[in-house]
Amino acid sequence: MDIRTPFIYFLLLIIVILLVVIKRISIEEPLVVESREEVERESNLGNQEKIYSNDQPKIKKGKIILIIDDFGYRNDEISDGFLNLNIKLTCAVIPGHAYSTTFSKKASEKGFEIIVHMPMENSGDNKGEENFVLLRDLDSVLVRDRIRTAFEQIPQAIGMNNHQGSVATADLKIMNYVAEALKEENKFFIDSRTTPETVAEEVMRSWRIPFAKRNVFLDNDPEEEKIISQLLSLAEIAERDGYAVGIGHVKKSTLDVLRIKIPELISQGYEFENASKIVSVDSVN
């Protein structure tokens, strides 16, 4: 047999194999391209969704500042409940009670802002906190000593608001003594506005003390429906003015309302902020 014959058959076999391979590549390549294009298209869609999501501005309706008064009397599931609300909250701790120091430390360690809830003379009986209450007949030395002692007992406190004080906050002399002490301590003051006759704002501004004032009391009426109504009024003021200060107390009904309403208010675009963040707005620096 001619030696060229096997060689020709071998070449034909190689050609056939190459033709099969080329045909298979020509069939599969579009599928690969299509798959790649599909991946790129889906990736682009994902990026568009992210861009769309980021482009949607969250409506900000205002800042709500919540101050909860009267911490220090109790150390239980109610007081602890306020520390589980997962918002910025200012705890006003009244000095001279069993849990004043320990609660302040606990709340501060959890990241909450602390202020002194300073007892001041009111128009009724001034019972309790006898070593701290600021009375009109005290001189400047005693006022400063009582305020200094309160901050020593609650060292985490960065400011002060008044507990009661419908008489004291309307008295120019005593409020000047208070301002003098706060100046020495480098603390701010928030007027709870327990009387329309208060002179706290004019005095604090004259001493250049960072200052703010309460807009709404949440729970003078402890019924939950009333508290809800007050909280909504607070939100309306925050939307109108940019921020609003609400004061509540360590009460179960107040806690129950806040647990329900805070997520709703956040979803509507309200932010909860510490009191210290807005006193600079009202200060006279």
Protein backbone atom coordinates (compact mmCIF):
# COMPACT_ATOMS: atom_id res chain seq x y z
CA MET A 1 0.00 0.00 0.00
CA ASP A 2 1.15 3.44 -0.84
CA ILE A 3 2.50 5.14 2.34
CA ARG A 4 0.71 8.34 1.39
CA THR A 5 -2.73 6.75 1.81
CA PRO A 6 -2.63 6.48 5.65
CA PHE A 7 -1.22 9.97 5.86
CA ILE A 8 -4.11 11.31 3.79
CA TYR A 9 -6.63 9.52 6.02
CA PHE A 10 -4.94 10.99 9.09
CA LEU A 11 -5.16 14.48 7.64
CA LEU A 12 -8.83 13.97 6.79
CA LEU A 13 -9.48 12.85 10.38
CA ILE A 14 -7.78 15.95 11.73
CA ILE A 15 -9.82 18.15 9.41
CA VAL A 16 -13.08 16.50 10.49
CA ILE A 17 -12.21 16.98 14.17
CA LEU A 18 -11.35 20.63 13.58
CA LEU A 19 -14.62 21.17 11.72
CA VAL A 20 -16.59 19.65 14.62
CA VAL A 21 -14.78 21.82 17.16
CA ILE A 22 -15.30 24.97 15.09
CA LYS A 23 -18.99 24.21 14.67
CA ARG A 24 -19.44 23.63 18.39
CA ILE A 25 -17.71 26.93 19.22
CA SER A 26 -19.89 28.76 16.74
CA ILE A 27 -22.98 27.37 18.46
CA GLU A 28 -21.92 27.94 22.09
CA GLU A 29 -20.28 31.37 21.81
CA PRO A 30 -23.57 33.30 21.40
CA LEU A 31 -24.81 31.58 24.54
CA VAL A 32 -21.75 32.74 26.46
CA VAL A 33 -22.13 36.28 25.14
CA GLU A 34 -25.80 36.28 25.97
CA SER A 35 -25.05 35.08 29.49
CA ARG A 36 -22.44 37.80 29.96
CA GLU A 37 -24.80 40.44 28.63
CA GLU A 38 -27.53 39.22 30.96
CA VAL A 39 -25.22 39.48 33.96
CA GLU A 40 -24.21 43.01 32.98
CA ARG A 41 -27.84 44.01 32.42
CA GLU A 42 -28.89 42.67 35.84
CA SER A 43 -25.92 44.41 37.44
CA ASN A 44 -26.94 47.70 35.84
CA LEU A 45 -30.49 47.23 37.05
CA GLY A 46 -29.19 46.67 40.56
CA ASN A 47 -27.12 49.84 40.38
CA GLN A 48 -30.11 51.79 39.11
CA GLU A 49 -32.18 50.54 42.04
CA LYS A 50 -29.47 51.61 44.48
CA ILE A 51 -29.20 55.02 42.83
CA TYR A 52 -32.97 55.42 42.91
CA SER A 53 -33.09 54.45 46.55
CA ASN A 54 -30.33 56.90 47.46
CA ASP A 55 -31.94 59.66 45.46
CA GLN A 56 -35.12 59.49 47.51
CA PRO A 57 -34.73 62.19 50.18
CA LYS A 58 -35.97 61.24 53.62
CA ILE A 59 -38.34 63.96 54.72
CA LYS A 60 -37.04 65.56 57.91
CA LYS A 61 -39.85 67.13 59.86
CA GLY A 62 -37.94 68.43 62.88
CA LYS A 63 -36.05 67.47 66.00
CA ILE A 64 -37.86 66.31 69.13
CA ILE A 65 -36.04 66.80 72.41
CA LEU A 66 -37.41 64.58 75.17
CA ILE A 67 -36.48 65.31 78.77
CA ILE A 68 -37.73 62.80 81.32
CA ASP A 69 -37.89 64.24 84.84
CA ASP A 70 -37.77 62.66 88.28
CA PHE A 71 -35.20 59.92 87.82
CA GLY A 72 -33.62 59.07 91.18
CA TYR A 73 -36.78 58.13 93.07
CA ARG A 74 -36.93 54.61 91.70
CA ASN A 75 -34.79 51.87 90.19
CA ASP A 76 -37.14 49.38 88.56
CA GLU A 77 -38.54 48.16 85.26
CA ILE A 78 -40.17 51.55 84.64
CA SER A 79 -37.03 53.63 85.04
CA ASP A 80 -35.02 51.03 83.12
CA GLY A 81 -37.69 50.98 80.42
CA PHE A 82 -36.84 54.53 79.39
CA LEU A 83 -33.24 53.43 78.89
CA ASN A 84 -34.42 50.80 76.40
CA LEU A 85 -36.24 53.20 74.07
CA ASN A 86 -33.25 53.29 71.71
CA ILE A 87 -33.39 57.04 71.10
CA LYS A 88 -31.48 60.07 72.29
CA LEU A 89 -33.07 61.04 75.57
CA THR A 90 -32.12 63.50 78.31
CA CYS A 91 -32.54 62.12 81.84
CA ALA A 92 -33.25 64.75 84.49
CA VAL A 93 -32.17 63.28 87.84
CA ILE A 94 -33.39 64.81 91.05
CA PRO A 95 -30.66 64.96 93.73
CA GLY A 96 -30.93 63.72 97.27
CA HIS A 97 -32.62 60.37 96.68
CA ALA A 98 -31.68 56.72 97.01
CA TYR A 99 -30.97 56.16 93.32
CA SER A 100 -29.85 59.62 92.22
CA THR A 101 -26.19 58.68 91.90
CA THR A 102 -26.51 55.05 90.85
CA PHE A 103 -29.13 55.69 88.19
CA SER A 104 -27.15 58.59 86.74
CA LYS A 105 -24.11 56.37 86.44
CA LYS A 106 -26.10 53.57 84.81
CA ALA A 107 -27.84 55.87 82.35
CA SER A 108 -24.61 57.61 81.44
CA GLU A 109 -22.85 54.30 80.82
CA LYS A 110 -25.64 53.44 78.38
CA GLY A 111 -24.98 56.66 76.50
CA PHE A 112 -27.79 58.84 77.81
CA GLU A 113 -27.43 62.52 78.54
CA ILE A 114 -27.85 63.53 82.19
CA ILE A 115 -28.95 66.82 83.73
CA VAL A 116 -29.75 67.81 87.32
CA HIS A 117 -33.46 68.20 88.04
CA MET A 118 -32.97 70.93 90.65
CA PRO A 119 -35.67 71.41 93.30
CA MET A 120 -36.88 75.02 93.52
CA GLU A 121 -39.44 76.82 95.62
CA ASN A 122 -43.01 76.47 94.43
CA SER A 123 -46.28 78.07 95.41
CA GLY A 124 -47.39 75.09 97.52
CA ASP A 125 -45.66 73.02 100.15
CA ASN A 126 -42.00 72.40 99.47
CA LYS A 127 -41.64 68.87 100.75
CA GLY A 128 -38.64 66.69 100.09
CA GLU A 129 -35.10 67.46 98.99
CA GLU A 130 -34.75 69.89 101.91
CA ASN A 131 -30.97 70.03 101.48
CA PHE A 132 -31.24 71.00 97.81
CA VAL A 133 -34.37 73.07 97.24
CA LEU A 134 -33.60 76.66 96.19
CA LEU A 135 -35.70 79.04 98.28
CA ARG A 136 -36.08 82.80 97.89
CA ASP A 137 -34.68 83.49 101.33
CA LEU A 138 -31.34 81.80 100.58
CA ASP A 139 -28.28 83.93 99.94
CA SER A 140 -26.00 83.49 96.96
CA VAL A 141 -23.51 81.37 98.91
CA LEU A 142 -26.13 78.81 99.93
CA VAL A 143 -27.59 78.68 96.42
CA ARG A 144 -24.16 78.03 94.94
CA ASP A 145 -23.40 75.40 97.59
CA ARG A 146 -26.64 73.52 96.91
CA ILE A 147 -26.14 73.58 93.17
CA ARG A 148 -22.51 72.53 93.51
CA THR A 149 -23.50 69.66 95.82
CA ALA A 150 -26.14 68.51 93.35
CA PHE A 151 -23.57 68.32 90.56
CA GLU A 152 -21.14 66.51 92.84
CA GLN A 153 -23.82 63.93 93.61
CA ILE A 154 -24.66 63.62 89.90
CA PRO A 155 -21.24 64.15 88.28
CA GLN A 156 -22.39 63.01 84.84
CA ALA A 157 -24.79 65.98 84.59
CA ILE A 158 -23.97 68.61 81.96
CA GLY A 159 -26.87 70.95 82.65
CA MET A 160 -29.87 71.63 84.82
CA ASN A 161 -33.62 72.14 84.69
CA ASN A 162 -36.01 73.09 87.46
CA HIS A 163 -38.09 70.72 89.56
CA GLN A 164 -41.24 72.67 90.45
CA GLY A 165 -40.01 76.26 90.98
CA SER A 166 -43.11 78.28 90.18
CA VAL A 167 -41.99 80.84 92.79
CA ALA A 168 -38.21 80.64 92.42
CA THR A 169 -38.09 80.93 88.62
CA ALA A 170 -40.20 84.10 88.83
CA ASP A 171 -37.78 85.72 91.26
CA LEU A 172 -34.98 87.83 89.75
CA LYS A 173 -32.71 87.60 92.76
CA ILE A 174 -32.74 83.82 93.13
CA MET A 175 -32.43 83.25 89.37
CA ASN A 176 -29.39 85.52 89.24
CA TYR A 177 -27.86 83.40 91.99
CA VAL A 178 -28.67 80.30 89.96
CA ALA A 179 -27.10 81.80 86.84
CA GLU A 180 -23.98 82.75 88.76
CA ALA A 181 -23.59 79.18 90.00
CA LEU A 182 -24.19 77.69 86.55
CA LYS A 183 -21.60 80.03 85.10
CA GLU A 184 -19.06 78.75 87.62
CA GLU A 185 -20.00 75.15 86.84
CA ASN A 186 -20.09 75.75 83.07
CA LYS A 187 -23.55 74.17 82.75
CA PHE A 188 -26.63 75.03 80.71
CA PHE A 189 -30.16 75.68 81.93
CA ILE A 190 -33.50 74.51 80.61
CA ASP A 191 -36.56 76.29 81.95
CA SER A 192 -39.35 73.82 82.62
CA ARG A 193 -41.70 76.82 82.60
CA THR A 194 -43.80 75.88 85.59
CA THR A 195 -45.11 79.46 85.67
CA PRO A 196 -45.82 82.05 82.96
CA GLU A 197 -44.12 84.58 85.24
CA THR A 198 -40.70 82.97 84.84
CA VAL A 199 -37.73 85.28 84.39
CA ALA A 200 -35.28 82.46 83.67
CA GLU A 201 -34.75 83.30 80.02
CA GLU A 202 -33.86 86.96 80.49
CA VAL A 203 -31.56 86.18 83.42
CA MET A 204 -29.75 83.32 81.70
CA ARG A 205 -29.23 85.37 78.58
CA SER A 206 -27.86 88.27 80.60
CA TRP A 207 -25.30 85.87 82.12
CA ARG A 208 -24.66 84.25 78.72
CA ILE A 209 -25.75 80.84 79.98
CA PRO A 210 -26.74 78.39 77.21
CA PHE A 211 -30.50 78.16 77.52
CA ALA A 212 -33.65 76.49 76.19
CA LYS A 213 -37.23 76.21 77.38
CA ARG A 214 -39.93 73.61 77.53
CA ASN A 215 -42.65 73.67 74.86
CA VAL A 216 -44.94 70.87 76.03
CA PHE A 217 -45.53 68.87 79.19
CA LEU A 218 -46.41 65.37 78.04
CA ASP A 219 -48.05 63.84 81.07
CA ASN A 220 -49.57 66.36 83.47
CA ASP A 221 -52.66 64.27 82.72
CA PRO A 222 -51.49 60.64 83.03
CA GLU A 223 -54.16 59.17 80.72
CA GLU A 224 -52.53 57.64 77.66
CA GLU A 225 -54.83 59.38 75.18
CA LYS A 226 -53.89 62.74 76.69
CA ILE A 227 -50.20 61.89 76.54
CA ILE A 228 -50.56 60.92 72.87
CA SER A 229 -52.29 64.21 72.16
CA GLN A 230 -49.50 66.15 73.88
CA LEU A 231 -46.82 64.20 72.03
CA LEU A 232 -48.47 64.98 68.70
CA SER A 233 -48.62 68.65 69.66
CA LEU A 234 -44.91 68.49 70.40
CA ALA A 235 -44.27 66.97 66.96
CA GLU A 236 -46.28 69.75 65.29
CA ILE A 237 -44.15 72.40 67.01
CA ALA A 238 -40.97 70.59 65.99
CA GLU A 239 -42.12 70.55 62.37
CA ARG A 240 -43.04 74.22 62.50
CA ASP A 241 -40.00 75.56 64.38
CA GLY A 242 -37.34 72.97 63.56
CA TYR A 243 -37.22 71.56 67.07
CA ALA A 244 -39.35 71.33 70.21
CA VAL A 245 -38.69 70.44 73.84
CA GLY A 246 -41.06 68.07 75.61
CA ILE A 247 -40.89 67.12 79.28
CA GLY A 248 -42.33 63.91 80.65
CA HIS A 249 -41.93 61.98 83.86
CA VAL A 250 -40.96 58.49 84.97
CA LYS A 251 -44.47 57.07 84.66
CA LYS A 252 -45.67 53.77 83.22
CA SER A 253 -48.28 55.45 81.02
CA THR A 254 -45.66 57.79 79.57
CA LEU A 255 -43.32 54.90 78.87
CA ASP A 256 -46.08 52.85 77.23
CA VAL A 257 -47.01 55.71 74.91
CA LEU A 258 -43.41 56.39 73.93
CA ARG A 259 -42.78 52.74 73.15
CA ILE A 260 -45.60 52.81 70.61
CA LYS A 261 -45.28 56.30 69.19
CA ILE A 262 -41.53 56.79 68.87
CA PRO A 263 -41.15 54.34 65.93
CA GLU A 264 -44.10 56.01 64.20
CA LEU A 265 -42.62 59.48 64.62
CA ILE A 266 -39.22 58.33 63.36
CA SER A 267 -40.83 56.75 60.29
CA GLN A 268 -42.55 60.08 59.61
CA GLY A 269 -39.20 61.88 59.54
CA TYR A 270 -38.80 63.20 63.09
CA GLU A 271 -35.43 62.94 64.81
CA PHE A 272 -34.89 62.58 68.54
CA GLU A 273 -32.06 64.71 69.88
CA ASN A 274 -30.33 65.49 73.17
CA ALA A 275 -31.13 68.73 74.97
CA SER A 276 -27.51 69.84 74.79
CA LYS A 277 -27.76 70.02 70.99
CA ILE A 278 -30.36 72.76 71.01
CA VAL A 279 -29.24 74.95 73.89
CA SER A 280 -26.50 76.23 71.61
CA VAL A 281 -29.24 77.38 69.23
CA ASP A 282 -30.81 79.47 71.97
CA SER A 283 -27.59 80.59 73.61
CA VAL A 284 -26.10 84.02 73.20
CA ASN A 285 -22.53 83.10 72.32
